[in-house]
Amino acid sequence: MARGNQRELARAKNLKKQQESSKNQKQGDKNKRMETDAERMRAKQRAADEKKQAELMAKIQKK
């Protein structure tokens, strides 16, 4: 009967894990969330492109 206790502990741990994961899920309108996420990624990509361009210009000016 010792395994019964082990099962109960595992169930309790799994329940807690599921509750924590449901808290972390994004809420709200899916389309709006997708658009805001896409805009963040576009901004991040623009910043990376500008950084690459600046590094390239610095490299060219050194020569």
PDB file of N, CA and C in Angstrom:
ATOM      1  N   MET A   1       0.805  -1.191   0.000  1.00  0.00           N
ATOM      2  CA  MET A   1       0.000   0.000   0.000  1.00  0.00           C
ATOM      3  C   MET A   1       0.854   1.264   0.000  1.00  0.00           C
ATOM      4  N   ALA A   2       2.129   1.124   0.071  1.00  0.00           N
ATOM      5  CA  ALA A   2       3.002   2.292   0.087  1.00  0.00           C
ATOM      6  C   ALA A   2       2.941   3.037  -1.243  1.00  0.00           C
ATOM      7  N   ARG A   3       2.660   2.302  -2.304  1.00  0.00           N
ATOM      8  CA  ARG A   3       2.613   2.953  -3.606  1.00  0.00           C
ATOM      9  C   ARG A   3       1.414   3.869  -3.743  1.00  0.00           C
ATOM     10  N   GLY A   4       0.358   3.616  -3.022  1.00  0.00           N
ATOM     11  CA  GLY A   4      -0.818   4.475  -3.072  1.00  0.00           C
ATOM     12  C   GLY A   4      -0.479   5.898  -2.670  1.00  0.00           C
ATOM     13  N   ASN A   5       0.333   6.028  -1.654  1.00  0.00           N
ATOM     14  CA  ASN A   5       0.771   7.341  -1.206  1.00  0.00           C
ATOM     15  C   ASN A   5       1.598   8.023  -2.286  1.00  0.00           C
ATOM     16  N   GLN A   6       2.440   7.258  -2.940  1.00  0.00           N
ATOM     17  CA  GLN A   6       3.278   7.777  -4.011  1.00  0.00           C
ATOM     18  C   GLN A   6       2.407   8.310  -5.153  1.00  0.00           C
ATOM     19  N   ARG A   7       1.365   7.593  -5.499  1.00  0.00           N
ATOM     20  CA  ARG A   7       0.449   8.022  -6.561  1.00  0.00           C
ATOM     21  C   ARG A   7      -0.249   9.317  -6.188  1.00  0.00           C
ATOM     22  N   GLU A   8      -0.694   9.390  -4.936  1.00  0.00           N
ATOM     23  CA  GLU A   8      -1.385  10.604  -4.478  1.00  0.00           C
ATOM     24  C   GLU A   8      -0.454  11.812  -4.519  1.00  0.00           C
ATOM     25  N   LEU A   9       0.779  11.614  -4.134  1.00  0.00           N
ATOM     26  CA  LEU A   9       1.749  12.709  -4.184  1.00  0.00           C
ATOM     27  C   LEU A   9       2.012  13.132  -5.630  1.00  0.00           C
ATOM     28  N   ALA A  10       2.111  12.164  -6.529  1.00  0.00           N
ATOM     29  CA  ALA A  10       2.333  12.474  -7.936  1.00  0.00           C
ATOM     30  C   ALA A  10       1.132  13.212  -8.522  1.00  0.00           C
ATOM     31  N   ARG A  11      -0.066  12.812  -8.162  1.00  0.00           N
ATOM     32  CA  ARG A  11      -1.273  13.498  -8.638  1.00  0.00           C
ATOM     33  C   ARG A  11      -1.307  14.938  -8.145  1.00  0.00           C
ATOM     34  N   ALA A  12      -0.984  15.137  -6.882  1.00  0.00           N
ATOM     35  CA  ALA A  12      -0.981  16.488  -6.313  1.00  0.00           C
ATOM     36  C   ALA A  12       0.060  17.366  -6.997  1.00  0.00           C
ATOM     37  N   LYS A  13       1.236  16.797  -7.245  1.00  0.00           N
ATOM     38  CA  LYS A  13       2.298  17.537  -7.919  1.00  0.00           C
ATOM     39  C   LYS A  13       1.885  17.906  -9.336  1.00  0.00           C
ATOM     40  N   ASN A  14       1.254  16.978 -10.050  1.00  0.00           N
ATOM     41  CA  ASN A  14       0.808  17.223 -11.413  1.00  0.00           C
ATOM     42  C   ASN A  14      -0.292  18.276 -11.439  1.00  0.00           C
ATOM     43  N   LEU A  15      -1.207  18.233 -10.494  1.00  0.00           N
ATOM     44  CA  LEU A  15      -2.277  19.217 -10.417  1.00  0.00           C
ATOM     45  C   LEU A  15      -1.705  20.617 -10.215  1.00  0.00           C
ATOM     46  N   LYS A  16      -0.731  20.725  -9.332  1.00  0.00           N
ATOM     47  CA  LYS A  16      -0.083  22.015  -9.080  1.00  0.00           C
ATOM     48  C   LYS A  16       0.622  22.516 -10.338  1.00  0.00           C
ATOM     49  N   LYS A  17       1.287  21.614 -11.041  1.00  0.00           N
ATOM     50  CA  LYS A  17       1.994  21.968 -12.273  1.00  0.00           C
ATOM     51  C   LYS A  17       1.015  22.464 -13.331  1.00  0.00           C
ATOM     52  N   GLN A  18      -0.123  21.812 -13.472  1.00  0.00           N
ATOM     53  CA  GLN A  18      -1.135  22.217 -14.439  1.00  0.00           C
ATOM     54  C   GLN A  18      -1.712  23.583 -14.092  1.00  0.00           C
ATOM     55  N   GLN A  19      -1.925  23.848 -12.808  1.00  0.00           N
ATOM     56  CA  GLN A  19      -2.455  25.137 -12.398  1.00  0.00           C
ATOM     57  C   GLN A  19      -1.457  26.250 -12.693  1.00  0.00           C
ATOM     58  N   GLU A  20      -0.185  25.995 -12.474  1.00  0.00           N
ATOM     59  CA  GLU A  20       0.847  26.991 -12.761  1.00  0.00           C
ATOM     60  C   GLU A  20       0.930  27.268 -14.261  1.00  0.00           C
ATOM     61  N   SER A  21       0.836  26.226 -15.079  1.00  0.00           N
ATOM     62  CA  SER A  21       0.936  26.431 -16.523  1.00  0.00           C
ATOM     63  C   SER A  21      -0.281  27.174 -17.061  1.00  0.00           C
ATOM     64  N   SER A  22      -1.441  26.973 -16.458  1.00  0.00           N
ATOM     65  CA  SER A  22      -2.626  27.690 -16.920  1.00  0.00           C
ATOM     66  C   SER A  22      -2.542  29.170 -16.558  1.00  0.00           C
ATOM     67  N   LYS A  23      -1.832  29.506 -15.501  1.00  0.00           N
ATOM     68  CA  LYS A  23      -1.640  30.907 -15.129  1.00  0.00           C
ATOM     69  C   LYS A  23      -0.757  31.627 -16.141  1.00  0.00           C
ATOM     70  N   ASN A  24       0.199  30.895 -16.715  1.00  0.00           N
ATOM     71  CA  ASN A  24       1.171  31.497 -17.615  1.00  0.00           C
ATOM     72  C   ASN A  24       0.662  31.644 -19.041  1.00  0.00           C
ATOM     73  N   GLN A  25      -0.476  31.042 -19.354  1.00  0.00           N
ATOM     74  CA  GLN A  25      -0.992  31.134 -20.713  1.00  0.00           C
ATOM     75  C   GLN A  25      -1.472  32.549 -20.994  1.00  0.00           C
ATOM     76  N   LYS A  26      -1.272  32.977 -22.227  1.00  0.00           N
ATOM     77  CA  LYS A  26      -1.687  34.319 -22.618  1.00  0.00           C
ATOM     78  C   LYS A  26      -3.206  34.385 -22.716  1.00  0.00           C
ATOM     79  N   GLN A  27      -3.744  35.496 -22.286  1.00  0.00           N
ATOM     80  CA  GLN A  27      -5.184  35.714 -22.322  1.00  0.00           C
ATOM     81  C   GLN A  27      -5.502  36.782 -23.364  1.00  0.00           C
ATOM     82  N   GLY A  28      -6.735  36.832 -23.806  1.00  0.00           N
ATOM     83  CA  GLY A  28      -7.163  37.884 -24.707  1.00  0.00           C
ATOM     84  C   GLY A  28      -7.414  37.388 -26.112  1.00  0.00           C
ATOM     85  N   ASP A  29      -7.670  38.339 -26.993  1.00  0.00           N
ATOM     86  CA  ASP A  29      -7.978  38.057 -28.387  1.00  0.00           C
ATOM     87  C   ASP A  29      -6.744  37.517 -29.106  1.00  0.00           C
ATOM     88  N   LYS A  30      -6.900  36.379 -29.749  1.00  0.00           N
ATOM     89  CA  LYS A  30      -5.768  35.726 -30.408  1.00  0.00           C
ATOM     90  C   LYS A  30      -5.198  36.587 -31.535  1.00  0.00           C
ATOM     91  N   ASN A  31      -6.057  37.159 -32.371  1.00  0.00           N
ATOM     92  CA  ASN A  31      -5.583  37.957 -33.499  1.00  0.00           C
ATOM     93  C   ASN A  31      -4.834  39.204 -33.034  1.00  0.00           C
ATOM     94  N   LYS A  32      -5.361  39.859 -32.018  1.00  0.00           N
ATOM     95  CA  LYS A  32      -4.699  41.050 -31.489  1.00  0.00           C
ATOM     96  C   LYS A  32      -3.340  40.682 -30.904  1.00  0.00           C
ATOM     97  N   ARG A  33      -3.298  39.574 -30.171  1.00  0.00           N
ATOM     98  CA  ARG A  33      -2.046  39.116 -29.574  1.00  0.00           C
ATOM     99  C   ARG A  33      -1.020  38.772 -30.652  1.00  0.00           C
ATOM    100  N   MET A  34      -1.480  38.114 -31.706  1.00  0.00           N
ATOM    101  CA  MET A  34      -0.574  37.760 -32.799  1.00  0.00           C
ATOM    102  C   MET A  34      -0.013  39.013 -33.467  1.00  0.00           C
ATOM    103  N   GLU A  35      -0.853  40.025 -33.650  1.00  0.00           N
ATOM    104  CA  GLU A  35      -0.410  41.258 -34.291  1.00  0.00           C
ATOM    105  C   GLU A  35       0.613  41.999 -33.425  1.00  0.00           C
ATOM    106  N   THR A  36       0.363  42.069 -32.124  1.00  0.00           N
ATOM    107  CA  THR A  36       1.320  42.750 -31.249  1.00  0.00           C
ATOM    108  C   THR A  36       2.641  41.982 -31.180  1.00  0.00           C
ATOM    109  N   ASP A  37       2.565  40.656 -31.152  1.00  0.00           N
ATOM    110  CA  ASP A  37       3.790  39.853 -31.154  1.00  0.00           C
ATOM    111  C   ASP A  37       4.566  40.064 -32.455  1.00  0.00           C
ATOM    112  N   ALA A  38       3.853  40.123 -33.570  1.00  0.00           N
ATOM    113  CA  ALA A  38       4.497  40.339 -34.861  1.00  0.00           C
ATOM    114  C   ALA A  38       5.154  41.723 -34.916  1.00  0.00           C
ATOM    115  N   GLU A  39       4.499  42.716 -34.363  1.00  0.00           N
ATOM    116  CA  GLU A  39       5.071  44.066 -34.357  1.00  0.00           C
ATOM    117  C   GLU A  39       6.337  44.105 -33.508  1.00  0.00           C
ATOM    118  N   ARG A  40       6.336  43.403 -32.380  1.00  0.00           N
ATOM    119  CA  ARG A  40       7.542  43.340 -31.556  1.00  0.00           C
ATOM    120  C   ARG A  40       8.692  42.689 -32.317  1.00  0.00           C
ATOM    121  N   MET A  41       8.379  41.623 -33.041  1.00  0.00           N
ATOM    122  CA  MET A  41       9.418  40.937 -33.809  1.00  0.00           C
ATOM    123  C   MET A  41       9.938  41.814 -34.945  1.00  0.00           C
ATOM    124  N   ARG A  42       9.045  42.569 -35.585  1.00  0.00           N
ATOM    125  CA  ARG A  42       9.484  43.490 -36.647  1.00  0.00           C
ATOM    126  C   ARG A  42      10.425  44.553 -36.084  1.00  0.00           C
ATOM    127  N   ALA A  43      10.075  45.095 -34.920  1.00  0.00           N
ATOM    128  CA  ALA A  43      10.921  46.108 -34.294  1.00  0.00           C
ATOM    129  C   ALA A  43      12.284  45.519 -33.929  1.00  0.00           C
ATOM    130  N   LYS A  44      12.279  44.311 -33.420  1.00  0.00           N
ATOM    131  CA  LYS A  44      13.520  43.645 -33.063  1.00  0.00           C
ATOM    132  C   LYS A  44      14.381  43.406 -34.299  1.00  0.00           C
ATOM    133  N   GLN A  45      13.751  43.018 -35.401  1.00  0.00           N
ATOM    134  CA  GLN A  45      14.481  42.771 -36.638  1.00  0.00           C
ATOM    135  C   GLN A  45      15.050  44.067 -37.202  1.00  0.00           C
ATOM    136  N   ARG A  46      14.257  45.167 -37.130  1.00  0.00           N
ATOM    137  CA  ARG A  46      14.755  46.467 -37.594  1.00  0.00           C
ATOM    138  C   ARG A  46      15.990  46.885 -36.799  1.00  0.00           C
ATOM    139  N   ALA A  47      15.954  46.694 -35.491  1.00  0.00           N
ATOM    140  CA  ALA A  47      17.092  47.050 -34.647  1.00  0.00           C
ATOM    141  C   ALA A  47      18.319  46.218 -35.018  1.00  0.00           C
ATOM    142  N   ALA A  48      18.123  44.950 -35.279  1.00  0.00           N
ATOM    143  CA  ALA A  48      19.241  44.082 -35.662  1.00  0.00           C
ATOM    144  C   ALA A  48      19.803  44.495 -37.018  1.00  0.00           C
ATOM    145  N   ASP A  49      18.930  44.840 -37.959  1.00  0.00           N
ATOM    146  CA  ASP A  49      19.385  45.287 -39.272  1.00  0.00           C
ATOM    147  C   ASP A  49      20.166  46.596 -39.173  1.00  0.00           C
ATOM    148  N   GLU A  50      19.685  47.515 -38.340  1.00  0.00           N
ATOM    149  CA  GLU A  50      20.388  48.788 -38.162  1.00  0.00           C
ATOM    150  C   GLU A  50      21.758  48.570 -37.538  1.00  0.00           C
ATOM    151  N   LYS A  51      21.836  47.646 -36.598  1.00  0.00           N
ATOM    152  CA  LYS A  51      23.116  47.344 -35.956  1.00  0.00           C
ATOM    153  C   LYS A  51      24.099  46.763 -36.972  1.00  0.00           C
ATOM    154  N   LYS A  52      23.613  45.851 -37.797  1.00  0.00           N
ATOM    155  CA  LYS A  52      24.478  45.260 -38.824  1.00  0.00           C
ATOM    156  C   LYS A  52      24.957  46.324 -39.801  1.00  0.00           C
ATOM    157  N   GLN A  53      24.041  47.230 -40.183  1.00  0.00           N
ATOM    158  CA  GLN A  53      24.396  48.293 -41.117  1.00  0.00           C
ATOM    159  C   GLN A  53      25.450  49.210 -40.500  1.00  0.00           C
ATOM    160  N   ALA A  54      25.301  49.548 -39.228  1.00  0.00           N
ATOM    161  CA  ALA A  54      26.269  50.406 -38.554  1.00  0.00           C
ATOM    162  C   ALA A  54      27.634  49.724 -38.470  1.00  0.00           C
ATOM    163  N   GLU A  55      27.645  48.439 -38.176  1.00  0.00           N
ATOM    164  CA  GLU A  55      28.912  47.710 -38.115  1.00  0.00           C
ATOM    165  C   GLU A  55      29.578  47.654 -39.484  1.00  0.00           C
ATOM    166  N   LEU A  56      28.791  47.476 -40.514  1.00  0.00           N
ATOM    167  CA  LEU A  56      29.324  47.438 -41.873  1.00  0.00           C
ATOM    168  C   LEU A  56      29.918  48.792 -42.250  1.00  0.00           C
ATOM    169  N   MET A  57      29.222  49.863 -41.919  1.00  0.00           N
ATOM    170  CA  MET A  57      29.709  51.204 -42.232  1.00  0.00           C
ATOM    171  C   MET A  57      31.007  51.492 -41.465  1.00  0.00           C
ATOM    172  N   ALA A  58      31.093  51.072 -40.223  1.00  0.00           N
ATOM    173  CA  ALA A  58      32.298  51.267 -39.435  1.00  0.00           C
ATOM    174  C   ALA A  58      33.473  50.485 -40.030  1.00  0.00           C
ATOM    175  N   LYS A  59      33.175  49.300 -40.503  1.00  0.00           N
ATOM    176  CA  LYS A  59      34.219  48.464 -41.094  1.00  0.00           C
ATOM    177  C   LYS A  59      34.726  49.098 -42.401  1.00  0.00           C
ATOM    178  N   ILE A  60      33.805  49.640 -43.199  1.00  0.00           N
ATOM    179  CA  ILE A  60      34.174  50.274 -44.465  1.00  0.00           C
ATOM    180  C   ILE A  60      35.006  51.533 -44.214  1.00  0.00           C
ATOM    181  N   GLN A  61      34.632  52.301 -43.197  1.00  0.00           N
ATOM    182  CA  GLN A  61      35.339  53.552 -42.905  1.00  0.00           C
ATOM    183  C   GLN A  61      36.746  53.299 -42.375  1.00  0.00           C
ATOM    184  N   LYS A  62      36.988  52.153 -41.768  1.00  0.00           N
ATOM    185  CA  LYS A  62      38.331  51.829 -41.270  1.00  0.00           C
ATOM    186  C   LYS A  62      39.297  51.600 -42.423  1.00  0.00           C
ATOM    187  N   LYS A  63      38.801  51.105 -43.532  1.00  0.00           N
ATOM    188  CA  LYS A  63      39.691  50.765 -44.661  1.00  0.00           C
ATOM    189  C   LYS A  63      40.154  51.969 -45.370  1.00  0.00           C
TER     190      LYS A  63
END
